[in-house]
């Protein structure tokens, strides 16, 4: 889907959106609510002011996503305090976000993922990269580990890899 994005405003925006959804693990509503003043372009830190249950939290964009967001912001000609805007300078809506994903999936000739599938992909990829579940719980804004558990459907390969890393006998050379 990323490869379908060109260097136009829409291409730059859509690339930043796709990367941002995957890199932040935020809910679609939270993602759309990000204001320019809540985003630190240098550290990638983003304040989610109104998460689920009215709770605020901090999420992050990595280096590659920050670079894509910077290119998108530099292409904007209209001013709006929302980070994600339309070509007309209005704040992007939930429908608009879904349309971006649908349109990019169609161009990539793949099945359209749901907006929530980006959040699930974030969770499982963070876990596979070695992020501990407590940090992941905070990043995703879950009050309870049980909720996080639903996102972490691990495959047999994931479990085998975990055992290779953590095998007490192999690690202690018994």
C-alpha atoms as a PDB file:
ATOM      1  CA  UNK A   1       0.000   0.000   0.000  1.00  0.00           C
ATOM      2  CA  UNK A   2       2.916   2.328   0.786  1.00  0.00           C
ATOM      3  CA  UNK A   3       4.316   1.761  -2.698  1.00  0.00           C
ATOM      4  CA  UNK A   4       1.134   3.212  -4.236  1.00  0.00           C
ATOM      5  CA  UNK A   5       1.873   6.599  -2.647  1.00  0.00           C
ATOM      6  CA  UNK A   6       3.517   9.216  -4.879  1.00  0.00           C
ATOM      7  CA  UNK A   7       5.028  12.634  -4.072  1.00  0.00           C
ATOM      8  CA  UNK A   8       1.762  14.601  -4.399  1.00  0.00           C
ATOM      9  CA  UNK A   9       0.002  16.002  -1.329  1.00  0.00           C
ATOM     10  CA  UNK A  10      -2.342  12.991  -1.275  1.00  0.00           C
ATOM     11  CA  UNK A  11       0.472  10.505  -1.745  1.00  0.00           C
ATOM     12  CA  UNK A  12       2.580  12.079   0.997  1.00  0.00           C
ATOM     13  CA  UNK A  13      -0.399  12.309   3.333  1.00  0.00           C
ATOM     14  CA  UNK A  14      -1.554   8.762   2.683  1.00  0.00           C
ATOM     15  CA  UNK A  15       1.953   7.363   3.218  1.00  0.00           C
ATOM     16  CA  UNK A  16       2.254   9.258   6.508  1.00  0.00           C
ATOM     17  CA  UNK A  17      -1.211   8.053   7.552  1.00  0.00           C
ATOM     18  CA  UNK A  18      -0.483   4.396   6.778  1.00  0.00           C
ATOM     19  CA  UNK A  19       2.870   4.472   8.527  1.00  0.00           C
ATOM     20  CA  UNK A  20       1.408   6.440  11.437  1.00  0.00           C
ATOM     21  CA  UNK A  21      -1.432   3.984  11.988  1.00  0.00           C
ATOM     22  CA  UNK A  22       0.967   1.045  12.065  1.00  0.00           C
ATOM     23  CA  UNK A  23       3.707   2.784  14.067  1.00  0.00           C
ATOM     24  CA  UNK A  24       1.544   4.296  16.807  1.00  0.00           C
ATOM     25  CA  UNK A  25      -0.935   1.568  17.701  1.00  0.00           C
ATOM     26  CA  UNK A  26      -3.530   4.269  18.274  1.00  0.00           C
ATOM     27  CA  UNK A  27      -7.242   3.852  17.807  1.00  0.00           C
ATOM     28  CA  UNK A  28      -8.625   5.485  14.652  1.00  0.00           C
ATOM     29  CA  UNK A  29     -10.535   8.132  16.629  1.00  0.00           C
ATOM     30  CA  UNK A  30      -7.425   8.985  18.669  1.00  0.00           C
ATOM     31  CA  UNK A  31      -5.317   9.114  15.510  1.00  0.00           C
ATOM     32  CA  UNK A  32      -7.708  11.522  13.828  1.00  0.00           C
ATOM     33  CA  UNK A  33      -7.800  13.710  16.940  1.00  0.00           C
ATOM     34  CA  UNK A  34      -4.056  14.450  16.916  1.00  0.00           C
ATOM     35  CA  UNK A  35      -3.396  18.177  16.736  1.00  0.00           C
ATOM     36  CA  UNK A  36      -0.230  19.702  15.313  1.00  0.00           C
ATOM     37  CA  UNK A  37       0.624  21.137  18.723  1.00  0.00           C
ATOM     38  CA  UNK A  38       0.362  17.677  20.337  1.00  0.00           C
ATOM     39  CA  UNK A  39       3.006  16.228  18.017  1.00  0.00           C
ATOM     40  CA  UNK A  40       6.746  16.722  18.560  1.00  0.00           C
ATOM     41  CA  UNK A  41       8.345  16.363  15.120  1.00  0.00           C
ATOM     42  CA  UNK A  42      11.809  15.815  16.602  1.00  0.00           C
ATOM     43  CA  UNK A  43      11.109  13.126  19.209  1.00  0.00           C
ATOM     44  CA  UNK A  44       8.009  11.605  17.618  1.00  0.00           C
ATOM     45  CA  UNK A  45       6.140  12.025  20.905  1.00  0.00           C
ATOM     46  CA  UNK A  46       2.376  12.512  20.560  1.00  0.00           C
ATOM     47  CA  UNK A  47      -0.040  13.433  23.311  1.00  0.00           C
ATOM     48  CA  UNK A  48      -3.380  11.680  22.971  1.00  0.00           C
ATOM     49  CA  UNK A  49      -5.592  14.030  24.945  1.00  0.00           C
ATOM     50  CA  UNK A  50      -8.831  12.062  24.820  1.00  0.00           C
ATOM     51  CA  UNK A  51      -8.242   8.334  24.600  1.00  0.00           C
ATOM     52  CA  UNK A  52     -10.784   5.657  25.378  1.00  0.00           C
ATOM     53  CA  UNK A  53     -12.456   6.387  28.681  1.00  0.00           C
ATOM     54  CA  UNK A  54     -11.339  10.024  28.460  1.00  0.00           C
ATOM     55  CA  UNK A  55      -7.796   9.085  29.510  1.00  0.00           C
ATOM     56  CA  UNK A  56      -4.766  10.777  28.029  1.00  0.00           C
ATOM     57  CA  UNK A  57      -1.524   8.998  27.156  1.00  0.00           C
ATOM     58  CA  UNK A  58       1.606   9.412  25.096  1.00  0.00           C
ATOM     59  CA  UNK A  59       2.333   7.467  21.923  1.00  0.00           C
ATOM     60  CA  UNK A  60       5.218   7.711  19.477  1.00  0.00           C
ATOM     61  CA  UNK A  61       6.202   7.724  15.821  1.00  0.00           C
ATOM     62  CA  UNK A  62       9.558   6.183  14.870  1.00  0.00           C
ATOM     63  CA  UNK A  63      12.183   7.799  12.620  1.00  0.00           C
ATOM     64  CA  UNK A  64      10.777   6.586   9.299  1.00  0.00           C
ATOM     65  CA  UNK A  65       7.247   7.649  10.188  1.00  0.00           C
ATOM     66  CA  UNK A  66       8.492  11.043  11.429  1.00  0.00           C
ATOM     67  CA  UNK A  67      10.259  11.562   8.109  1.00  0.00           C
ATOM     68  CA  UNK A  68       7.050  10.732   6.201  1.00  0.00           C
ATOM     69  CA  UNK A  69       4.957  13.008   8.446  1.00  0.00           C
ATOM     70  CA  UNK A  70       7.475  15.851   7.983  1.00  0.00           C
ATOM     71  CA  UNK A  71       7.262  15.504   4.169  1.00  0.00           C
ATOM     72  CA  UNK A  72       3.457  15.510   4.399  1.00  0.00           C
ATOM     73  CA  UNK A  73       3.366  18.574   6.687  1.00  0.00           C
ATOM     74  CA  UNK A  74       5.743  20.418   4.354  1.00  0.00           C
ATOM     75  CA  UNK A  75       3.364  19.713   1.449  1.00  0.00           C
ATOM     76  CA  UNK A  76       0.389  21.287   3.244  1.00  0.00           C
ATOM     77  CA  UNK A  77      -0.689  24.665   1.903  1.00  0.00           C
ATOM     78  CA  UNK A  78      -3.728  25.123   4.143  1.00  0.00           C
ATOM     79  CA  UNK A  79      -3.503  25.762   7.863  1.00  0.00           C
ATOM     80  CA  UNK A  80      -5.540  23.653  10.228  1.00  0.00           C
ATOM     81  CA  UNK A  81      -4.677  22.710  13.807  1.00  0.00           C
ATOM     82  CA  UNK A  82      -5.438  19.045  13.020  1.00  0.00           C
ATOM     83  CA  UNK A  83      -2.467  16.943  11.959  1.00  0.00           C
ATOM     84  CA  UNK A  84      -4.466  14.930   9.409  1.00  0.00           C
ATOM     85  CA  UNK A  85      -6.290  17.080   6.861  1.00  0.00           C
ATOM     86  CA  UNK A  86      -8.049  16.820   3.517  1.00  0.00           C
ATOM     87  CA  UNK A  87      -6.939  18.514   0.328  1.00  0.00           C
ATOM     88  CA  UNK A  88      -9.356  21.313   1.229  1.00  0.00           C
ATOM     89  CA  UNK A  89      -7.714  21.966   4.586  1.00  0.00           C
ATOM     90  CA  UNK A  90     -10.442  20.348   6.706  1.00  0.00           C
ATOM     91  CA  UNK A  91      -9.777  17.832   9.472  1.00  0.00           C
ATOM     92  CA  UNK A  92      -9.816  14.279   8.109  1.00  0.00           C
ATOM     93  CA  UNK A  93     -12.881  12.291   9.176  1.00  0.00           C
ATOM     94  CA  UNK A  94     -13.264   8.623  10.076  1.00  0.00           C
ATOM     95  CA  UNK A  95     -14.893   8.029   6.680  1.00  0.00           C
ATOM     96  CA  UNK A  96     -11.985   9.805   4.970  1.00  0.00           C
ATOM     97  CA  UNK A  97      -9.468   7.671   6.834  1.00  0.00           C
ATOM     98  CA  UNK A  98     -11.297   4.502   5.809  1.00  0.00           C
ATOM     99  CA  UNK A  99     -11.343   5.729   2.211  1.00  0.00           C
ATOM    100  CA  UNK A 100      -7.568   6.290   2.237  1.00  0.00           C
ATOM    101  CA  UNK A 101      -7.023   2.698   3.368  1.00  0.00           C
ATOM    102  CA  UNK A 102      -9.595   1.327   0.921  1.00  0.00           C
ATOM    103  CA  UNK A 103      -8.198   3.278  -2.032  1.00  0.00           C
ATOM    104  CA  UNK A 104      -4.576   2.336  -1.275  1.00  0.00           C
ATOM    105  CA  UNK A 105      -5.480  -1.344  -0.803  1.00  0.00           C
ATOM    106  CA  UNK A 106      -7.347  -1.327  -4.124  1.00  0.00           C
ATOM    107  CA  UNK A 107      -4.340   0.206  -5.905  1.00  0.00           C
ATOM    108  CA  UNK A 108      -2.052  -2.366  -4.261  1.00  0.00           C
ATOM    109  CA  UNK A 109      -4.485  -5.112  -5.326  1.00  0.00           C
ATOM    110  CA  UNK A 110      -4.871  -6.471  -1.816  1.00  0.00           C
ATOM    111  CA  UNK A 111      -7.840  -7.053   0.466  1.00  0.00           C
ATOM    112  CA  UNK A 112      -8.747  -3.865   2.338  1.00  0.00           C
ATOM    113  CA  UNK A 113      -7.618  -4.091   5.953  1.00  0.00           C
ATOM    114  CA  UNK A 114      -9.830  -2.678   8.674  1.00  0.00           C
ATOM    115  CA  UNK A 115      -8.567   0.377  10.504  1.00  0.00           C
ATOM    116  CA  UNK A 116      -8.351  -1.732  13.647  1.00  0.00           C
ATOM    117  CA  UNK A 117      -6.093  -4.259  11.903  1.00  0.00           C
ATOM    118  CA  UNK A 118      -3.293  -1.657  12.016  1.00  0.00           C
ATOM    119  CA  UNK A 119      -3.637  -1.607  15.809  1.00  0.00           C
ATOM    120  CA  UNK A 120      -3.506  -5.411  15.998  1.00  0.00           C
ATOM    121  CA  UNK A 121      -0.458  -5.458  13.693  1.00  0.00           C
ATOM    122  CA  UNK A 122       1.246  -2.883  15.925  1.00  0.00           C
ATOM    123  CA  UNK A 123       0.661  -5.027  19.015  1.00  0.00           C
ATOM    124  CA  UNK A 124       1.907  -8.326  17.617  1.00  0.00           C
ATOM    125  CA  UNK A 125       4.908  -6.733  15.885  1.00  0.00           C
ATOM    126  CA  UNK A 126       5.932  -4.905  19.049  1.00  0.00           C
ATOM    127  CA  UNK A 127       5.708  -8.161  21.001  1.00  0.00           C
ATOM    128  CA  UNK A 128       7.744 -10.009  18.349  1.00  0.00           C
ATOM    129  CA  UNK A 129      10.371  -7.256  18.532  1.00  0.00           C
ATOM    130  CA  UNK A 130      10.791  -7.926  22.243  1.00  0.00           C
ATOM    131  CA  UNK A 131       8.748  -5.119  23.783  1.00  0.00           C
ATOM    132  CA  UNK A 132       7.505  -6.168  27.208  1.00  0.00           C
ATOM    133  CA  UNK A 133       3.755  -6.502  27.704  1.00  0.00           C
ATOM    134  CA  UNK A 134       3.617  -3.809  30.392  1.00  0.00           C
ATOM    135  CA  UNK A 135       5.101  -1.158  28.093  1.00  0.00           C
ATOM    136  CA  UNK A 136       2.879  -2.372  25.262  1.00  0.00           C
ATOM    137  CA  UNK A 137      -0.150  -2.100  27.554  1.00  0.00           C
ATOM    138  CA  UNK A 138       0.677   1.563  28.256  1.00  0.00           C
ATOM    139  CA  UNK A 139       1.374   2.373  24.599  1.00  0.00           C
ATOM    140  CA  UNK A 140      -1.981   0.928  23.565  1.00  0.00           C
ATOM    141  CA  UNK A 141      -3.896   2.578  26.395  1.00  0.00           C
ATOM    142  CA  UNK A 142      -5.225  -0.589  27.988  1.00  0.00           C
ATOM    143  CA  UNK A 143      -6.121  -0.477  31.660  1.00  0.00           C
ATOM    144  CA  UNK A 144      -5.933  -4.263  31.948  1.00  0.00           C
ATOM    145  CA  UNK A 145      -3.572  -6.887  30.531  1.00  0.00           C
ATOM    146  CA  UNK A 146      -6.574  -9.069  29.683  1.00  0.00           C
ATOM    147  CA  UNK A 147      -7.599  -6.595  26.990  1.00  0.00           C
ATOM    148  CA  UNK A 148      -4.096  -6.623  25.524  1.00  0.00           C
ATOM    149  CA  UNK A 149      -4.156 -10.425  25.468  1.00  0.00           C
ATOM    150  CA  UNK A 150      -6.815 -10.323  22.719  1.00  0.00           C
ATOM    151  CA  UNK A 151      -4.397  -8.503  20.413  1.00  0.00           C
ATOM    152  CA  UNK A 152      -1.522 -10.899  20.898  1.00  0.00           C
ATOM    153  CA  UNK A 153      -2.585 -14.044  19.083  1.00  0.00           C
ATOM    154  CA  UNK A 154       0.816 -15.639  18.668  1.00  0.00           C
ATOM    155  CA  UNK A 155       1.653 -18.245  16.068  1.00  0.00           C
ATOM    156  CA  UNK A 156       3.574 -21.448  16.686  1.00  0.00           C
ATOM    157  CA  UNK A 157       6.641 -19.738  15.156  1.00  0.00           C
ATOM    158  CA  UNK A 158       6.337 -16.920  17.728  1.00  0.00           C
ATOM    159  CA  UNK A 159       6.227 -19.397  20.602  1.00  0.00           C
ATOM    160  CA  UNK A 160       9.121 -21.466  19.197  1.00  0.00           C
ATOM    161  CA  UNK A 161      11.200 -18.279  18.827  1.00  0.00           C
ATOM    162  CA  UNK A 162      10.392 -17.279  22.417  1.00  0.00           C
ATOM    163  CA  UNK A 163      11.571 -20.665  23.622  1.00  0.00           C
ATOM    164  CA  UNK A 164      14.805 -20.449  21.621  1.00  0.00           C
ATOM    165  CA  UNK A 165      15.531 -17.090  23.261  1.00  0.00           C
ATOM    166  CA  UNK A 166      14.491 -18.001  26.774  1.00  0.00           C
ATOM    167  CA  UNK A 167      15.301 -21.718  27.147  1.00  0.00           C
ATOM    168  CA  UNK A 168      16.644 -22.041  30.708  1.00  0.00           C
ATOM    169  CA  UNK A 169      18.667 -25.131  29.858  1.00  0.00           C
ATOM    170  CA  UNK A 170      20.256 -23.627  26.736  1.00  0.00           C
ATOM    171  CA  UNK A 171      20.896 -20.264  28.411  1.00  0.00           C
ATOM    172  CA  UNK A 172      22.583 -21.834  31.435  1.00  0.00           C
ATOM    173  CA  UNK A 173      24.288 -24.519  29.354  1.00  0.00           C
ATOM    174  CA  UNK A 174      23.136 -27.270  31.693  1.00  0.00           C
END
